[in-house]
Amino acid sequence: MVTRSTSEVPISAGELDPKRHDRGGFDCGVEPLNRYLRALVVQHRAKGIATTFVLFDSDQPVTILGYYSLSAATLAFERMTEADRKSLPTYPVPAVRIGRLAATAARRGRGLGELLLQNAIKRTLLARHTLGVYAVVVEANDASAEAFYRKYGFRLCDVQTRQLYLPPGRSP
């Protein structure tokens, strides 16, 4: 668990605990992201598909302020920039996928997205001690999400899918 204080409240991050955190009360304003948190995260964790982490108010840990999910992935060699391909094998490289990342609409514009992304990157860096991980991969839902990730150094792989990646040495 990571704790950080903002000007408003002390914020903590940790793995989702469905018995402790109120998934039904979360609303980011994007129904597929709300539905994923409410209906699929526990099943995906049990099946080894993805693990979900949440930000919450340390004083009211039941309230989810945001969440993201992580899973194993690969990144096709051909989809990386030429500079990033140097000295890499010519087959897919290991990656971690941020499958979903969402912050509550009630606190939009207060840096929760950045905190979520930083926490995901920190967890990925820790995983590199026991598992081969070259990059972090995301698929941005729209132009706004793409701009968010690009602001933190993610590079575009594919215009059609809005797939982006963050190579090593780059962190928000």
N, C-alpha and C. Protein backbone atom coordinates (compact mmCIF):
# COMPACT_ATOMS: atom_id res chain seq x y z
N MET A 1 0.83 -1.17 0.00
CA MET A 1 0.00 0.00 0.00
C MET A 1 0.88 1.24 0.00
N VAL A 2 0.50 2.22 -0.80
CA VAL A 2 1.23 3.47 -0.91
C VAL A 2 0.34 4.56 -0.36
N THR A 3 0.88 5.46 0.45
CA THR A 3 0.10 6.56 0.99
C THR A 3 0.72 7.86 0.53
N ARG A 4 -0.14 8.79 0.14
CA ARG A 4 0.32 10.10 -0.30
C ARG A 4 -0.72 11.12 0.13
N SER A 5 -0.28 12.25 0.58
CA SER A 5 -1.20 13.28 1.01
C SER A 5 -1.33 14.34 -0.08
N THR A 6 -2.55 14.72 -0.38
CA THR A 6 -2.78 15.82 -1.30
C THR A 6 -3.28 16.99 -0.46
N SER A 7 -3.53 18.11 -1.11
CA SER A 7 -4.03 19.27 -0.37
C SER A 7 -5.41 19.01 0.22
N GLU A 8 -6.13 18.05 -0.34
CA GLU A 8 -7.48 17.76 0.14
C GLU A 8 -7.49 16.69 1.22
N VAL A 9 -7.00 15.51 0.89
CA VAL A 9 -7.10 14.36 1.79
C VAL A 9 -5.87 13.48 1.62
N PRO A 10 -5.56 12.69 2.65
CA PRO A 10 -4.50 11.70 2.47
C PRO A 10 -5.04 10.57 1.59
N ILE A 11 -4.27 10.20 0.57
CA ILE A 11 -4.71 9.19 -0.39
C ILE A 11 -3.80 7.98 -0.28
N SER A 12 -4.40 6.80 -0.30
CA SER A 12 -3.66 5.55 -0.28
C SER A 12 -3.97 4.76 -1.53
N ALA A 13 -3.10 3.83 -1.87
CA ALA A 13 -3.30 2.95 -3.01
C ALA A 13 -2.99 1.53 -2.59
N GLY A 14 -3.77 0.61 -3.10
CA GLY A 14 -3.54 -0.80 -2.81
C GLY A 14 -4.40 -1.66 -3.71
N GLU A 15 -4.18 -2.96 -3.60
CA GLU A 15 -4.99 -3.87 -4.40
C GLU A 15 -6.45 -3.80 -3.96
N LEU A 16 -7.34 -3.87 -4.91
CA LEU A 16 -8.77 -3.84 -4.62
C LEU A 16 -9.13 -4.97 -3.66
N ASP A 17 -9.87 -4.63 -2.62
CA ASP A 17 -10.42 -5.61 -1.71
C ASP A 17 -11.94 -5.50 -1.85
N PRO A 18 -12.58 -6.44 -2.54
CA PRO A 18 -14.02 -6.32 -2.80
C PRO A 18 -14.88 -6.31 -1.54
N LYS A 19 -14.34 -6.78 -0.43
CA LYS A 19 -15.10 -6.75 0.82
C LYS A 19 -14.96 -5.40 1.54
N ARG A 20 -13.95 -4.65 1.16
CA ARG A 20 -13.66 -3.38 1.84
C ARG A 20 -14.02 -2.17 1.00
N HIS A 21 -13.75 -2.22 -0.30
CA HIS A 21 -13.95 -1.07 -1.17
C HIS A 21 -15.31 -1.10 -1.86
N ASP A 22 -15.97 0.05 -1.91
CA ASP A 22 -17.31 0.18 -2.49
C ASP A 22 -17.23 0.38 -4.00
N ARG A 23 -17.29 -0.73 -4.73
CA ARG A 23 -17.23 -0.65 -6.19
C ARG A 23 -18.49 -0.03 -6.77
N GLY A 24 -19.63 -0.27 -6.14
CA GLY A 24 -20.91 0.24 -6.64
C GLY A 24 -21.03 1.75 -6.57
N GLY A 25 -20.31 2.38 -5.66
CA GLY A 25 -20.38 3.82 -5.49
C GLY A 25 -19.46 4.60 -6.40
N PHE A 26 -18.64 3.90 -7.18
CA PHE A 26 -17.67 4.57 -8.05
C PHE A 26 -18.34 5.00 -9.35
N ASP A 27 -18.04 6.23 -9.79
CA ASP A 27 -18.54 6.72 -11.07
C ASP A 27 -17.50 7.64 -11.69
N CYS A 28 -16.93 7.18 -12.80
CA CYS A 28 -15.94 8.00 -13.52
C CYS A 28 -16.57 8.75 -14.68
N GLY A 29 -17.85 8.49 -14.95
CA GLY A 29 -18.53 9.14 -16.07
C GLY A 29 -18.46 8.34 -17.36
N VAL A 30 -17.77 7.19 -17.34
CA VAL A 30 -17.66 6.34 -18.54
C VAL A 30 -18.21 4.97 -18.14
N GLU A 31 -19.39 4.66 -18.64
CA GLU A 31 -20.09 3.46 -18.17
C GLU A 31 -19.32 2.15 -18.36
N PRO A 32 -18.63 1.91 -19.47
CA PRO A 32 -17.86 0.66 -19.56
C PRO A 32 -16.79 0.53 -18.46
N LEU A 33 -16.17 1.63 -18.07
CA LEU A 33 -15.17 1.59 -16.99
C LEU A 33 -15.84 1.36 -15.64
N ASN A 34 -17.00 1.99 -15.42
CA ASN A 34 -17.76 1.74 -14.18
C ASN A 34 -18.19 0.28 -14.11
N ARG A 35 -18.72 -0.23 -15.22
CA ARG A 35 -19.22 -1.61 -15.28
C ARG A 35 -18.08 -2.62 -15.03
N TYR A 36 -16.90 -2.35 -15.60
CA TYR A 36 -15.77 -3.25 -15.37
C TYR A 36 -15.46 -3.36 -13.88
N LEU A 37 -15.38 -2.21 -13.20
CA LEU A 37 -15.07 -2.22 -11.77
C LEU A 37 -16.15 -2.95 -10.97
N ARG A 38 -17.40 -2.72 -11.31
CA ARG A 38 -18.50 -3.32 -10.55
C ARG A 38 -18.66 -4.82 -10.81
N ALA A 39 -18.46 -5.24 -12.07
CA ALA A 39 -18.87 -6.59 -12.43
C ALA A 39 -17.75 -7.57 -12.78
N LEU A 40 -16.57 -7.09 -13.18
CA LEU A 40 -15.58 -8.02 -13.72
C LEU A 40 -14.27 -8.14 -12.96
N VAL A 41 -13.91 -7.17 -12.15
CA VAL A 41 -12.57 -7.19 -11.55
C VAL A 41 -12.31 -8.41 -10.66
N VAL A 42 -13.28 -8.82 -9.90
CA VAL A 42 -13.08 -9.96 -9.00
C VAL A 42 -12.89 -11.23 -9.82
N GLN A 43 -13.70 -11.41 -10.84
CA GLN A 43 -13.60 -12.57 -11.73
C GLN A 43 -12.25 -12.57 -12.46
N HIS A 44 -11.83 -11.41 -12.97
CA HIS A 44 -10.55 -11.33 -13.68
C HIS A 44 -9.38 -11.63 -12.76
N ARG A 45 -9.45 -11.20 -11.51
CA ARG A 45 -8.38 -11.48 -10.55
C ARG A 45 -8.31 -12.98 -10.28
N ALA A 46 -9.47 -13.59 -10.05
CA ALA A 46 -9.51 -15.03 -9.74
C ALA A 46 -8.98 -15.87 -10.89
N LYS A 47 -9.21 -15.44 -12.13
CA LYS A 47 -8.78 -16.19 -13.31
C LYS A 47 -7.36 -15.83 -13.75
N GLY A 48 -6.73 -14.87 -13.08
CA GLY A 48 -5.38 -14.48 -13.46
C GLY A 48 -5.31 -13.62 -14.71
N ILE A 49 -6.40 -12.96 -15.05
CA ILE A 49 -6.45 -12.12 -16.25
C ILE A 49 -5.88 -10.73 -15.97
N ALA A 50 -6.27 -10.15 -14.84
CA ALA A 50 -5.80 -8.81 -14.48
C ALA A 50 -5.95 -8.63 -12.98
N THR A 51 -5.12 -7.76 -12.44
CA THR A 51 -5.22 -7.37 -11.03
C THR A 51 -5.54 -5.89 -10.99
N THR A 52 -6.49 -5.52 -10.15
CA THR A 52 -6.94 -4.13 -10.06
C THR A 52 -6.47 -3.50 -8.77
N PHE A 53 -5.99 -2.27 -8.90
CA PHE A 53 -5.53 -1.48 -7.76
C PHE A 53 -6.37 -0.23 -7.68
N VAL A 54 -6.59 0.25 -6.46
CA VAL A 54 -7.46 1.41 -6.25
C VAL A 54 -6.75 2.49 -5.45
N LEU A 55 -7.16 3.73 -5.71
CA LEU A 55 -6.81 4.87 -4.86
C LEU A 55 -8.01 5.10 -3.97
N PHE A 56 -7.75 5.39 -2.71
CA PHE A 56 -8.86 5.66 -1.80
C PHE A 56 -8.44 6.68 -0.75
N ASP A 57 -9.42 7.35 -0.22
CA ASP A 57 -9.24 8.31 0.86
C ASP A 57 -8.83 7.51 2.10
N SER A 58 -7.66 7.80 2.66
CA SER A 58 -7.18 7.04 3.83
C SER A 58 -8.13 7.15 5.01
N ASP A 59 -8.88 8.25 5.11
CA ASP A 59 -9.83 8.42 6.21
C ASP A 59 -11.15 7.71 5.95
N GLN A 60 -11.45 7.44 4.67
CA GLN A 60 -12.67 6.72 4.29
C GLN A 60 -12.30 5.66 3.26
N PRO A 61 -11.63 4.60 3.69
CA PRO A 61 -11.09 3.63 2.74
C PRO A 61 -12.12 2.88 1.91
N VAL A 62 -13.38 2.97 2.27
CA VAL A 62 -14.42 2.30 1.49
C VAL A 62 -14.63 3.00 0.14
N THR A 63 -14.35 4.31 0.08
CA THR A 63 -14.61 5.10 -1.11
C THR A 63 -13.45 5.02 -2.10
N ILE A 64 -13.74 4.52 -3.29
CA ILE A 64 -12.73 4.42 -4.35
C ILE A 64 -12.67 5.74 -5.11
N LEU A 65 -11.46 6.31 -5.18
CA LEU A 65 -11.24 7.56 -5.91
C LEU A 65 -10.80 7.31 -7.35
N GLY A 66 -10.24 6.14 -7.60
CA GLY A 66 -9.80 5.77 -8.94
C GLY A 66 -9.27 4.35 -8.92
N TYR A 67 -9.07 3.82 -10.12
CA TYR A 67 -8.53 2.47 -10.20
C TYR A 67 -7.78 2.27 -11.51
N TYR A 68 -6.96 1.22 -11.53
CA TYR A 68 -6.33 0.77 -12.76
C TYR A 68 -6.15 -0.74 -12.66
N SER A 69 -6.04 -1.38 -13.81
CA SER A 69 -5.79 -2.82 -13.83
C SER A 69 -4.48 -3.09 -14.56
N LEU A 70 -3.78 -4.12 -14.11
CA LEU A 70 -2.51 -4.53 -14.72
C LEU A 70 -2.60 -5.98 -15.16
N SER A 71 -1.98 -6.28 -16.29
CA SER A 71 -1.88 -7.65 -16.75
C SER A 71 -0.61 -7.81 -17.58
N ALA A 72 -0.20 -9.06 -17.78
CA ALA A 72 0.96 -9.34 -18.61
C ALA A 72 0.60 -9.09 -20.07
N ALA A 73 1.60 -8.70 -20.86
CA ALA A 73 1.37 -8.42 -22.28
C ALA A 73 2.68 -8.58 -23.02
N THR A 74 2.60 -8.46 -24.33
CA THR A 74 3.79 -8.35 -25.16
C THR A 74 3.60 -7.17 -26.09
N LEU A 75 4.70 -6.66 -26.57
CA LEU A 75 4.70 -5.54 -27.50
C LEU A 75 5.45 -6.00 -28.75
N ALA A 76 4.78 -5.94 -29.89
CA ALA A 76 5.40 -6.38 -31.13
C ALA A 76 6.60 -5.49 -31.46
N PHE A 77 7.70 -6.13 -31.79
CA PHE A 77 8.94 -5.44 -32.13
C PHE A 77 8.70 -4.38 -33.21
N GLU A 78 7.93 -4.72 -34.22
CA GLU A 78 7.68 -3.84 -35.36
C GLU A 78 6.89 -2.58 -34.99
N ARG A 79 6.18 -2.59 -33.88
CA ARG A 79 5.32 -1.47 -33.50
C ARG A 79 6.06 -0.40 -32.70
N MET A 80 7.30 -0.68 -32.34
CA MET A 80 8.09 0.29 -31.58
C MET A 80 8.83 1.21 -32.53
N THR A 81 9.25 2.36 -32.01
CA THR A 81 10.04 3.28 -32.84
C THR A 81 11.38 2.63 -33.16
N GLU A 82 11.98 3.09 -34.24
CA GLU A 82 13.28 2.54 -34.65
C GLU A 82 14.32 2.68 -33.55
N ALA A 83 14.32 3.83 -32.89
CA ALA A 83 15.29 4.06 -31.81
C ALA A 83 15.10 3.06 -30.67
N ASP A 84 13.85 2.73 -30.35
CA ASP A 84 13.59 1.79 -29.26
C ASP A 84 13.89 0.35 -29.64
N ARG A 85 13.90 0.04 -30.94
CA ARG A 85 14.17 -1.33 -31.39
C ARG A 85 15.65 -1.70 -31.34
N LYS A 86 16.51 -0.69 -31.29
CA LYS A 86 17.94 -0.97 -31.28
C LYS A 86 18.30 -1.87 -30.11
N SER A 87 19.07 -2.85 -30.39
CA SER A 87 19.60 -3.83 -29.42
C SER A 87 18.52 -4.68 -28.75
N LEU A 88 17.33 -4.75 -29.36
CA LEU A 88 16.29 -5.64 -28.84
C LEU A 88 16.15 -6.86 -29.74
N PRO A 89 15.67 -7.97 -29.20
CA PRO A 89 15.40 -9.12 -30.07
C PRO A 89 14.27 -8.78 -31.04
N THR A 90 14.22 -9.46 -32.17
CA THR A 90 13.23 -9.13 -33.20
C THR A 90 11.91 -9.86 -33.01
N TYR A 91 11.62 -10.26 -31.83
CA TYR A 91 10.34 -10.90 -31.51
C TYR A 91 9.64 -10.06 -30.44
N PRO A 92 8.37 -10.34 -30.16
CA PRO A 92 7.64 -9.52 -29.18
C PRO A 92 8.38 -9.42 -27.84
N VAL A 93 8.43 -8.21 -27.30
CA VAL A 93 9.12 -7.99 -26.03
C VAL A 93 8.10 -7.99 -24.89
N PRO A 94 8.52 -8.40 -23.71
CA PRO A 94 7.59 -8.47 -22.58
C PRO A 94 7.17 -7.07 -22.11
N ALA A 95 5.91 -7.00 -21.71
CA ALA A 95 5.35 -5.72 -21.27
C ALA A 95 4.31 -5.96 -20.18
N VAL A 96 3.90 -4.88 -19.55
CA VAL A 96 2.77 -4.87 -18.63
C VAL A 96 1.72 -3.98 -19.26
N ARG A 97 0.49 -4.45 -19.27
CA ARG A 97 -0.62 -3.68 -19.85
C ARG A 97 -1.42 -3.00 -18.74
N ILE A 98 -1.60 -1.70 -18.88
CA ILE A 98 -2.59 -1.01 -18.06
C ILE A 98 -3.88 -1.14 -18.85
N GLY A 99 -4.73 -2.05 -18.40
CA GLY A 99 -5.96 -2.35 -19.15
C GLY A 99 -7.02 -1.28 -19.01
N ARG A 100 -7.12 -0.73 -17.85
CA ARG A 100 -8.10 0.33 -17.58
C ARG A 100 -7.49 1.25 -16.55
N LEU A 101 -7.85 2.54 -16.65
CA LEU A 101 -7.40 3.53 -15.68
C LEU A 101 -8.50 4.58 -15.63
N ALA A 102 -9.07 4.80 -14.45
CA ALA A 102 -10.19 5.74 -14.32
C ALA A 102 -10.19 6.40 -12.96
N ALA A 103 -10.54 7.67 -12.94
CA ALA A 103 -10.67 8.42 -11.68
C ALA A 103 -12.12 8.88 -11.54
N THR A 104 -12.54 9.04 -10.31
CA THR A 104 -13.91 9.47 -10.06
C THR A 104 -14.19 10.83 -10.69
N ALA A 105 -15.35 10.96 -11.29
CA ALA A 105 -15.75 12.22 -11.94
C ALA A 105 -15.90 13.34 -10.92
N ALA A 106 -16.23 12.98 -9.68
CA ALA A 106 -16.43 13.98 -8.63
C ALA A 106 -15.17 14.76 -8.30
N ARG A 107 -14.00 14.19 -8.62
CA ARG A 107 -12.73 14.88 -8.32
C ARG A 107 -11.88 15.08 -9.57
N ARG A 108 -12.53 15.19 -10.71
CA ARG A 108 -11.82 15.39 -11.98
C ARG A 108 -10.98 16.67 -11.92
N GLY A 109 -9.80 16.61 -12.51
CA GLY A 109 -8.93 17.78 -12.57
C GLY A 109 -8.06 17.97 -11.34
N ARG A 110 -8.02 17.00 -10.46
CA ARG A 110 -7.24 17.13 -9.22
C ARG A 110 -6.02 16.21 -9.18
N GLY A 111 -5.61 15.70 -10.34
CA GLY A 111 -4.38 14.93 -10.41
C GLY A 111 -4.50 13.46 -10.06
N LEU A 112 -5.71 12.94 -9.93
CA LEU A 112 -5.85 11.53 -9.57
C LEU A 112 -5.36 10.62 -10.71
N GLY A 113 -5.59 11.00 -11.95
CA GLY A 113 -5.12 10.20 -13.08
C GLY A 113 -3.61 10.06 -13.06
N GLU A 114 -2.92 11.15 -12.76
CA GLU A 114 -1.46 11.11 -12.66
C GLU A 114 -1.01 10.22 -11.50
N LEU A 115 -1.70 10.31 -10.36
CA LEU A 115 -1.35 9.45 -9.23
C LEU A 115 -1.55 7.97 -9.57
N LEU A 116 -2.64 7.67 -10.27
CA LEU A 116 -2.90 6.30 -10.68
C LEU A 116 -1.80 5.80 -11.62
N LEU A 117 -1.44 6.62 -12.60
CA LEU A 117 -0.40 6.23 -13.55
C LEU A 117 0.95 6.05 -12.85
N GLN A 118 1.30 6.96 -11.96
CA GLN A 118 2.56 6.83 -11.22
C GLN A 118 2.58 5.54 -10.41
N ASN A 119 1.46 5.22 -9.78
CA ASN A 119 1.41 4.01 -8.97
C ASN A 119 1.55 2.77 -9.85
N ALA A 120 0.92 2.77 -11.02
CA ALA A 120 1.03 1.64 -11.94
C ALA A 120 2.48 1.46 -12.41
N ILE A 121 3.15 2.57 -12.71
CA ILE A 121 4.55 2.50 -13.16
C ILE A 121 5.44 1.97 -12.03
N LYS A 122 5.21 2.45 -10.81
CA LYS A 122 6.00 1.97 -9.67
C LYS A 122 5.83 0.46 -9.48
N ARG A 123 4.60 -0.03 -9.60
CA ARG A 123 4.37 -1.47 -9.46
C ARG A 123 5.06 -2.25 -10.57
N THR A 124 5.06 -1.67 -11.77
CA THR A 124 5.73 -2.32 -12.90
C THR A 124 7.23 -2.38 -12.67
N LEU A 125 7.80 -1.29 -12.17
CA LEU A 125 9.24 -1.29 -11.89
C LEU A 125 9.60 -2.32 -10.83
N LEU A 126 8.75 -2.49 -9.83
CA LEU A 126 8.98 -3.52 -8.81
C LEU A 126 8.91 -4.91 -9.43
N ALA A 127 7.99 -5.11 -10.36
CA ALA A 127 7.85 -6.41 -11.01
C ALA A 127 9.10 -6.77 -11.82
N ARG A 128 9.81 -5.77 -12.31
CA ARG A 128 11.02 -6.03 -13.11
C ARG A 128 12.10 -6.74 -12.31
N HIS A 129 12.00 -6.74 -10.98
CA HIS A 129 12.98 -7.45 -10.16
C HIS A 129 12.80 -8.97 -10.24
N THR A 130 11.61 -9.41 -10.60
CA THR A 130 11.34 -10.85 -10.64
C THR A 130 10.82 -11.34 -11.98
N LEU A 131 10.57 -10.44 -12.92
CA LEU A 131 9.92 -10.79 -14.17
C LEU A 131 10.44 -9.89 -15.28
N GLY A 132 10.66 -10.44 -16.45
CA GLY A 132 11.10 -9.61 -17.57
C GLY A 132 9.99 -8.68 -18.03
N VAL A 133 10.24 -7.39 -17.95
CA VAL A 133 9.29 -6.38 -18.41
C VAL A 133 10.08 -5.28 -19.10
N TYR A 134 9.79 -5.05 -20.37
CA TYR A 134 10.49 -4.00 -21.10
C TYR A 134 9.70 -2.69 -21.10
N ALA A 135 8.38 -2.76 -21.29
CA ALA A 135 7.60 -1.55 -21.47
C ALA A 135 6.24 -1.67 -20.80
N VAL A 136 5.55 -0.55 -20.74
CA VAL A 136 4.16 -0.49 -20.30
C VAL A 136 3.32 -0.17 -21.53
N VAL A 137 2.24 -0.91 -21.73
CA VAL A 137 1.39 -0.76 -22.90
C VAL A 137 -0.01 -0.32 -22.47
N VAL A 138 -0.62 0.58 -23.25
CA VAL A 138 -2.01 0.99 -23.02
C VAL A 138 -2.71 1.12 -24.36
N GLU A 139 -4.03 1.02 -24.33
CA GLU A 139 -4.86 1.38 -25.48
C GLU A 139 -5.75 2.52 -25.02
N ALA A 140 -5.52 3.70 -25.57
CA ALA A 140 -6.30 4.87 -25.19
C ALA A 140 -7.68 4.79 -25.84
N ASN A 141 -8.72 5.07 -25.07
CA ASN A 141 -10.10 5.00 -25.57
C ASN A 141 -10.43 6.09 -26.57
N ASP A 142 -9.80 7.25 -26.41
CA ASP A 142 -10.14 8.38 -27.27
C ASP A 142 -8.95 9.33 -27.34
N ALA A 143 -9.14 10.43 -28.08
CA ALA A 143 -8.05 11.39 -28.26
C ALA A 143 -7.60 12.01 -26.95
N SER A 144 -8.54 12.25 -26.05
CA SER A 144 -8.20 12.84 -24.76
C SER A 144 -7.31 11.90 -23.94
N ALA A 145 -7.66 10.61 -23.91
CA ALA A 145 -6.85 9.63 -23.19
C ALA A 145 -5.48 9.49 -23.86
N GLU A 146 -5.45 9.52 -25.17
CA GLU A 146 -4.17 9.45 -25.88
C GLU A 146 -3.28 10.62 -25.49
N ALA A 147 -3.85 11.82 -25.46
CA ALA A 147 -3.08 13.01 -25.07
C ALA A 147 -2.57 12.89 -23.64
N PHE A 148 -3.39 12.33 -22.74
CA PHE A 148 -2.97 12.12 -21.35
C PHE A 148 -1.72 11.26 -21.31
N TYR A 149 -1.74 10.12 -21.97
CA TYR A 149 -0.58 9.22 -21.93
C TYR A 149 0.64 9.82 -22.63
N ARG A 150 0.42 10.51 -23.73
CA ARG A 150 1.54 11.12 -24.45
C ARG A 150 2.24 12.18 -23.58
N LYS A 151 1.46 12.87 -22.77
CA LYS A 151 2.02 13.88 -21.87
C LYS A 151 3.06 13.28 -20.93
N TYR A 152 2.93 11.99 -20.65
CA TYR A 152 3.85 11.32 -19.74
C TYR A 152 4.89 10.46 -20.46
N GLY A 153 5.07 10.69 -21.75
CA GLY A 153 6.15 10.03 -22.48
C GLY A 153 5.78 8.77 -23.23
N PHE A 154 4.52 8.38 -23.23
CA PHE A 154 4.11 7.22 -24.00
C PHE A 154 4.24 7.53 -25.49
N ARG A 155 4.60 6.50 -26.26
CA ARG A 155 4.78 6.65 -27.71
C ARG A 155 3.72 5.85 -28.45
N LEU A 156 3.22 6.42 -29.53
CA LEU A 156 2.16 5.79 -30.30
C LEU A 156 2.68 4.63 -31.13
N CYS A 157 2.00 3.48 -31.03
CA CYS A 157 2.32 2.30 -31.85
C CYS A 157 1.42 2.24 -33.07
N ASP A 158 0.14 2.52 -32.84
CA ASP A 158 -0.87 2.26 -33.86
C ASP A 158 -1.97 3.31 -33.77
N VAL A 159 -2.15 4.06 -34.86
CA VAL A 159 -3.16 5.12 -34.89
C VAL A 159 -4.57 4.53 -34.79
N GLN A 160 -4.84 3.41 -35.46
CA GLN A 160 -6.18 2.83 -35.47
C GLN A 160 -6.63 2.37 -34.09
N THR A 161 -5.75 1.72 -33.34
CA THR A 161 -6.14 1.20 -32.02
C THR A 161 -5.77 2.15 -30.89
N ARG A 162 -5.02 3.18 -31.22
CA ARG A 162 -4.49 4.11 -30.21
C ARG A 162 -3.66 3.37 -29.17
N GLN A 163 -2.94 2.35 -29.61
CA GLN A 163 -2.04 1.65 -28.69
C GLN A 163 -0.78 2.49 -28.51
N LEU A 164 -0.36 2.65 -27.25
CA LEU A 164 0.84 3.40 -26.92
C LEU A 164 1.70 2.56 -25.99
N TYR A 165 2.97 2.91 -25.91
CA TYR A 165 3.85 2.22 -24.98
C TYR A 165 4.82 3.21 -24.35
N LEU A 166 5.25 2.85 -23.16
CA LEU A 166 6.25 3.63 -22.42
C LEU A 166 7.47 2.74 -22.29
N PRO A 167 8.57 3.11 -22.97
CA PRO A 167 9.79 2.29 -22.87
C PRO A 167 10.48 2.50 -21.54
N PRO A 168 11.44 1.64 -21.20
CA PRO A 168 12.16 1.80 -19.93
C PRO A 168 12.90 3.13 -19.87
N GLY A 169 13.10 3.59 -18.66
CA GLY A 169 13.82 4.85 -18.48
C GLY A 169 12.92 6.07 -18.59
N ARG A 170 11.66 5.85 -18.94
CA ARG A 170 10.70 6.95 -19.04
C ARG A 170 9.63 6.69 -17.99
N SER A 171 9.44 7.60 -17.09
CA SER A 171 8.36 7.41 -16.13
C SER A 171 7.76 8.76 -15.78
N PRO A 172 6.47 8.74 -15.54
CA PRO A 172 5.77 10.01 -15.25
C PRO A 172 6.18 10.62 -13.92
